Amino acid sequence: MDRSQKADLVAELKSVFTETSVVVVTRNLGLTVAQSTDLRLKMRDAGAQFKVAKNKLAVIALEGTRYGPISNLLTGPTALATSIDPVAAAKVAVEFARTNDKLEIVGGAMGDTLLDMDGIKALAALPSLDQLRGTLIGLMQASATKIARIAIEPAAQLARVFAAYADKAAA
């Protein structure tokens, strides 16, 4: 890799670090190409990225970003999982590591907060942004339905009373 390619990679990584909400550092302990491709596809489906980069270049890209403190985690064969959704990358990485012992979660960061392996697992246990949005919309719709039912109920009770009087008068 020549200097211009390295500079392009550092610029690309720096751009990713400025736009992302979470970075998960993983250690590759012998993933096959098929397993790595499977992990990348799962990340992409979740709206995340999984990138293997030289540690030295990643450390240079981390300088001046809020994720600078994770540079000490970049030792050995590492890879970075990133996503705009704070939960997506962590969720996919933890799930993949649970079924494949060749991927180890080292730690990461969410904004300025440094996370260890347990922090990443706790983050992965949270519902995703899309799930939270769906729950919120469901709660709003349920509330609107309840309000409509409450608003209509007095009129319905009044109609039942009139119907009962009408039935009583007809009998």
C-alpha atoms as a PDB file:
ATOM      1  CA  MET A   1       0.000   0.000   0.000  1.00  0.00           C
ATOM      2  CA  ASP A   2       1.577   3.317  -1.010  1.00  0.00           C
ATOM      3  CA  ARG A   3       1.341   6.644   0.802  1.00  0.00           C
ATOM      4  CA  SER A   4      -1.637   7.978  -1.157  1.00  0.00           C
ATOM      5  CA  GLN A   5      -3.656   4.821  -0.489  1.00  0.00           C
ATOM      6  CA  LYS A   6      -2.813   5.037   3.202  1.00  0.00           C
ATOM      7  CA  ALA A   7      -3.832   8.708   3.280  1.00  0.00           C
ATOM      8  CA  ASP A   8      -7.128   7.848   1.571  1.00  0.00           C
ATOM      9  CA  LEU A   9      -7.795   5.060   4.075  1.00  0.00           C
ATOM     10  CA  VAL A  10      -7.030   7.347   7.035  1.00  0.00           C
ATOM     11  CA  ALA A  11      -9.355  10.023   5.608  1.00  0.00           C
ATOM     12  CA  GLU A  12     -12.107   7.441   5.079  1.00  0.00           C
ATOM     13  CA  LEU A  13     -11.730   6.103   8.632  1.00  0.00           C
ATOM     14  CA  LYS A  14     -11.713   9.619  10.105  1.00  0.00           C
ATOM     15  CA  SER A  15     -14.936  10.344   8.206  1.00  0.00           C
ATOM     16  CA  VAL A  16     -16.513   7.174   9.608  1.00  0.00           C
ATOM     17  CA  PHE A  17     -15.431   8.093  13.156  1.00  0.00           C
ATOM     18  CA  THR A  18     -16.961  11.565  12.908  1.00  0.00           C
ATOM     19  CA  GLU A  19     -20.320  10.283  11.603  1.00  0.00           C
ATOM     20  CA  THR A  20     -20.823   7.183  13.736  1.00  0.00           C
ATOM     21  CA  SER A  21     -22.526   6.797  17.119  1.00  0.00           C
ATOM     22  CA  VAL A  22     -20.737   3.672  18.297  1.00  0.00           C
ATOM     23  CA  VAL A  23     -17.454   1.865  17.588  1.00  0.00           C
ATOM     24  CA  VAL A  24     -16.989  -1.764  18.598  1.00  0.00           C
ATOM     25  CA  VAL A  25     -13.446  -3.148  18.552  1.00  0.00           C
ATOM     26  CA  THR A  26     -13.242  -6.874  17.843  1.00  0.00           C
ATOM     27  CA  ARG A  27     -10.330  -9.262  17.670  1.00  0.00           C
ATOM     28  CA  ASN A  28     -10.168 -11.660  14.748  1.00  0.00           C
ATOM     29  CA  LEU A  29      -8.866 -15.014  15.942  1.00  0.00           C
ATOM     30  CA  GLY A  30      -8.888 -16.793  12.583  1.00  0.00           C
ATOM     31  CA  LEU A  31     -12.184 -16.037  10.868  1.00  0.00           C
ATOM     32  CA  THR A  32     -12.447 -17.632   7.466  1.00  0.00           C
ATOM     33  CA  VAL A  33     -13.336 -15.537   4.436  1.00  0.00           C
ATOM     34  CA  ALA A  34     -16.844 -17.023   4.414  1.00  0.00           C
ATOM     35  CA  GLN A  35     -17.373 -16.187   8.091  1.00  0.00           C
ATOM     36  CA  SER A  36     -16.041 -12.663   7.628  1.00  0.00           C
ATOM     37  CA  THR A  37     -18.319 -12.159   4.618  1.00  0.00           C
ATOM     38  CA  ASP A  38     -21.272 -13.469   6.620  1.00  0.00           C
ATOM     39  CA  LEU A  39     -20.499 -11.023   9.437  1.00  0.00           C
ATOM     40  CA  ARG A  40     -20.187  -8.110   6.992  1.00  0.00           C
ATOM     41  CA  LEU A  41     -23.546  -8.990   5.424  1.00  0.00           C
ATOM     42  CA  LYS A  42     -25.222  -9.159   8.829  1.00  0.00           C
ATOM     43  CA  MET A  43     -23.706  -5.794   9.741  1.00  0.00           C
ATOM     44  CA  ARG A  44     -24.864  -4.255   6.472  1.00  0.00           C
ATOM     45  CA  ASP A  45     -28.398  -5.604   6.978  1.00  0.00           C
ATOM     46  CA  ALA A  46     -28.454  -3.966  10.429  1.00  0.00           C
ATOM     47  CA  GLY A  47     -27.191  -0.652   9.049  1.00  0.00           C
ATOM     48  CA  ALA A  48     -23.659  -1.065  10.399  1.00  0.00           C
ATOM     49  CA  GLN A  49     -20.176  -1.504   8.929  1.00  0.00           C
ATOM     50  CA  PHE A  50     -17.431  -3.985   9.719  1.00  0.00           C
ATOM     51  CA  LYS A  51     -13.969  -2.948   8.620  1.00  0.00           C
ATOM     52  CA  VAL A  52     -10.525  -4.470   9.049  1.00  0.00           C
ATOM     53  CA  ALA A  53      -7.857  -1.767   9.019  1.00  0.00           C
ATOM     54  CA  LYS A  54      -4.225  -1.615   9.976  1.00  0.00           C
ATOM     55  CA  ASN A  55      -4.018  -0.616  13.620  1.00  0.00           C
ATOM     56  CA  LYS A  56      -1.450   2.097  12.972  1.00  0.00           C
ATOM     57  CA  LEU A  57      -3.671   3.752  10.343  1.00  0.00           C
ATOM     58  CA  ALA A  58      -6.752   3.430  12.563  1.00  0.00           C
ATOM     59  CA  VAL A  59      -4.871   5.096  15.455  1.00  0.00           C
ATOM     60  CA  ILE A  60      -3.914   7.983  13.159  1.00  0.00           C
ATOM     61  CA  ALA A  61      -7.555   8.303  12.042  1.00  0.00           C
ATOM     62  CA  LEU A  62      -8.742   8.290  15.675  1.00  0.00           C
ATOM     63  CA  GLU A  63      -6.613  11.320  16.564  1.00  0.00           C
ATOM     64  CA  GLY A  64      -8.772  14.393  16.977  1.00  0.00           C
ATOM     65  CA  THR A  65     -12.044  12.451  17.164  1.00  0.00           C
ATOM     66  CA  ARG A  66     -14.135  11.696  20.225  1.00  0.00           C
ATOM     67  CA  TYR A  67     -13.160   8.013  19.871  1.00  0.00           C
ATOM     68  CA  GLY A  68      -9.468   8.673  20.529  1.00  0.00           C
ATOM     69  CA  PRO A  69      -9.422   6.730  23.841  1.00  0.00           C
ATOM     70  CA  ILE A  70     -10.065   3.405  22.071  1.00  0.00           C
ATOM     71  CA  SER A  71      -6.702   3.574  20.309  1.00  0.00           C
ATOM     72  CA  ASN A  72      -5.134   1.534  23.143  1.00  0.00           C
ATOM     73  CA  LEU A  73      -7.534  -1.331  22.273  1.00  0.00           C
ATOM     74  CA  LEU A  74      -6.066  -1.631  18.778  1.00  0.00           C
ATOM     75  CA  THR A  75      -3.443  -4.326  19.289  1.00  0.00           C
ATOM     76  CA  GLY A  76      -3.189  -7.553  17.352  1.00  0.00           C
ATOM     77  CA  PRO A  77      -5.583  -8.593  14.588  1.00  0.00           C
ATOM     78  CA  THR A  78      -8.477  -6.198  15.200  1.00  0.00           C
ATOM     79  CA  ALA A  79     -11.496  -5.015  13.240  1.00  0.00           C
ATOM     80  CA  LEU A  80     -13.915  -2.153  13.799  1.00  0.00           C
ATOM     81  CA  ALA A  81     -17.694  -2.340  13.739  1.00  0.00           C
ATOM     82  CA  THR A  82     -19.425   1.037  13.465  1.00  0.00           C
ATOM     83  CA  SER A  83     -22.978   2.273  13.111  1.00  0.00           C
ATOM     84  CA  ILE A  84     -25.061   5.399  13.359  1.00  0.00           C
ATOM     85  CA  ASP A  85     -27.657   3.487  15.402  1.00  0.00           C
ATOM     86  CA  PRO A  86     -25.965   3.132  18.805  1.00  0.00           C
ATOM     87  CA  VAL A  87     -27.168  -0.439  19.201  1.00  0.00           C
ATOM     88  CA  ALA A  88     -26.879  -2.034  15.738  1.00  0.00           C
ATOM     89  CA  ALA A  89     -23.127  -2.720  15.548  1.00  0.00           C
ATOM     90  CA  ALA A  90     -22.971  -3.964  19.129  1.00  0.00           C
ATOM     91  CA  LYS A  91     -25.997  -6.223  18.685  1.00  0.00           C
ATOM     92  CA  VAL A  92     -24.655  -7.909  15.536  1.00  0.00           C
ATOM     93  CA  ALA A  93     -21.109  -8.259  16.926  1.00  0.00           C
ATOM     94  CA  VAL A  94     -22.296  -9.807  20.199  1.00  0.00           C
ATOM     95  CA  GLU A  95     -24.680 -12.172  18.426  1.00  0.00           C
ATOM     96  CA  PHE A  96     -21.990 -13.266  15.971  1.00  0.00           C
ATOM     97  CA  ALA A  97     -19.400 -13.714  18.758  1.00  0.00           C
ATOM     98  CA  ARG A  98     -21.910 -15.815  20.699  1.00  0.00           C
ATOM     99  CA  THR A  99     -22.157 -18.317  17.822  1.00  0.00           C
ATOM    100  CA  ASN A 100     -18.535 -18.082  16.636  1.00  0.00           C
ATOM    101  CA  ASP A 101     -15.622 -18.340  19.039  1.00  0.00           C
ATOM    102  CA  LYS A 102     -13.170 -16.899  16.492  1.00  0.00           C
ATOM    103  CA  LEU A 103     -14.470 -13.379  17.033  1.00  0.00           C
ATOM    104  CA  GLU A 104     -13.743 -11.737  20.368  1.00  0.00           C
ATOM    105  CA  ILE A 105     -15.206  -8.423  21.484  1.00  0.00           C
ATOM    106  CA  VAL A 106     -12.474  -6.285  23.019  1.00  0.00           C
ATOM    107  CA  GLY A 107     -14.419  -3.132  23.834  1.00  0.00           C
ATOM    108  CA  GLY A 108     -15.402   0.097  22.162  1.00  0.00           C
ATOM    109  CA  ALA A 109     -16.936   3.477  22.686  1.00  0.00           C
ATOM    110  CA  MET A 110     -20.243   5.255  22.366  1.00  0.00           C
ATOM    111  CA  GLY A 111     -19.485   8.911  21.914  1.00  0.00           C
ATOM    112  CA  ASP A 112     -17.101   9.972  24.673  1.00  0.00           C
ATOM    113  CA  THR A 113     -17.935   6.933  26.823  1.00  0.00           C
ATOM    114  CA  LEU A 114     -15.380   4.132  26.737  1.00  0.00           C
ATOM    115  CA  LEU A 115     -16.990   0.675  26.934  1.00  0.00           C
ATOM    116  CA  ASP A 116     -15.471  -2.636  27.951  1.00  0.00           C
ATOM    117  CA  MET A 117     -16.721  -6.022  26.772  1.00  0.00           C
ATOM    118  CA  ASP A 118     -19.538  -6.040  29.362  1.00  0.00           C
ATOM    119  CA  GLY A 119     -20.560  -2.525  28.311  1.00  0.00           C
ATOM    120  CA  ILE A 120     -20.822  -3.637  24.681  1.00  0.00           C
ATOM    121  CA  LYS A 121     -22.922  -6.641  25.732  1.00  0.00           C
ATOM    122  CA  ALA A 122     -25.209  -4.379  27.776  1.00  0.00           C
ATOM    123  CA  LEU A 123     -25.540  -2.035  24.802  1.00  0.00           C
ATOM    124  CA  ALA A 124     -26.419  -4.983  22.577  1.00  0.00           C
ATOM    125  CA  ALA A 125     -29.215  -5.983  24.962  1.00  0.00           C
ATOM    126  CA  LEU A 126     -30.999  -2.662  24.388  1.00  0.00           C
ATOM    127  CA  PRO A 127     -33.686  -2.398  21.713  1.00  0.00           C
ATOM    128  CA  SER A 128     -32.572  -0.869  18.431  1.00  0.00           C
ATOM    129  CA  LEU A 129     -33.577   2.601  17.291  1.00  0.00           C
ATOM    130  CA  ASP A 130     -36.163   1.167  14.888  1.00  0.00           C
ATOM    131  CA  GLN A 131     -37.670  -1.011  17.634  1.00  0.00           C
ATOM    132  CA  LEU A 132     -37.933   2.012  19.944  1.00  0.00           C
ATOM    133  CA  ARG A 133     -39.599   4.052  17.204  1.00  0.00           C
ATOM    134  CA  GLY A 134     -42.105   1.257  16.588  1.00  0.00           C
ATOM    135  CA  THR A 135     -42.904   0.996  20.287  1.00  0.00           C
ATOM    136  CA  LEU A 136     -43.363   4.754  20.550  1.00  0.00           C
ATOM    137  CA  ILE A 137     -45.689   4.865  17.553  1.00  0.00           C
ATOM    138  CA  GLY A 138     -47.657   1.929  18.967  1.00  0.00           C
ATOM    139  CA  LEU A 139     -48.056   3.739  22.291  1.00  0.00           C
ATOM    140  CA  MET A 140     -49.197   6.908  20.535  1.00  0.00           C
ATOM    141  CA  GLN A 141     -51.740   5.034  18.447  1.00  0.00           C
ATOM    142  CA  ALA A 142     -53.033   3.152  21.478  1.00  0.00           C
ATOM    143  CA  SER A 143     -53.419   6.420  23.387  1.00  0.00           C
ATOM    144  CA  ALA A 144     -55.316   8.023  20.509  1.00  0.00           C
ATOM    145  CA  THR A 145     -57.662   5.029  20.356  1.00  0.00           C
ATOM    146  CA  LYS A 146     -58.266   5.181  24.102  1.00  0.00           C
ATOM    147  CA  ILE A 147     -58.951   8.926  23.957  1.00  0.00           C
ATOM    148  CA  ALA A 148     -61.454   8.418  21.122  1.00  0.00           C
ATOM    149  CA  ARG A 149     -63.150   5.618  23.058  1.00  0.00           C
ATOM    150  CA  ILE A 150     -63.379   7.787  26.200  1.00  0.00           C
ATOM    151  CA  ALA A 151     -64.776  10.719  24.213  1.00  0.00           C
ATOM    152  CA  ILE A 152     -67.434   8.547  22.557  1.00  0.00           C
ATOM    153  CA  GLU A 153     -68.418   6.550  25.665  1.00  0.00           C
ATOM    154  CA  PRO A 154     -70.743   9.165  27.308  1.00  0.00           C
ATOM    155  CA  ALA A 155     -72.721   9.502  24.084  1.00  0.00           C
ATOM    156  CA  ALA A 156     -72.945   5.721  23.769  1.00  0.00           C
ATOM    157  CA  GLN A 157     -74.203   5.419  27.354  1.00  0.00           C
ATOM    158  CA  LEU A 158     -76.808   8.088  26.677  1.00  0.00           C
ATOM    159  CA  ALA A 159     -77.925   6.232  23.529  1.00  0.00           C
ATOM    160  CA  ARG A 160     -78.292   2.983  25.532  1.00  0.00           C
ATOM    161  CA  VAL A 161     -80.405   4.774  28.171  1.00  0.00           C
ATOM    162  CA  PHE A 162     -82.693   6.205  25.459  1.00  0.00           C
ATOM    163  CA  ALA A 163     -82.935   2.784  23.835  1.00  0.00           C
ATOM    164  CA  ALA A 164     -83.866   1.207  27.178  1.00  0.00           C
ATOM    165  CA  TYR A 165     -86.587   3.840  27.753  1.00  0.00           C
ATOM    166  CA  ALA A 166     -87.856   3.287  24.221  1.00  0.00           C
ATOM    167  CA  ASP A 167     -87.990  -0.478  24.733  1.00  0.00           C
ATOM    168  CA  LYS A 168     -89.739   0.022  28.094  1.00  0.00           C
ATOM    169  CA  ALA A 169     -92.284   2.402  26.563  1.00  0.00           C
ATOM    170  CA  ALA A 170     -92.929  -0.002  23.667  1.00  0.00           C
ATOM    171  CA  ALA A 171     -93.497  -2.948  26.003  1.00  0.00           C
END
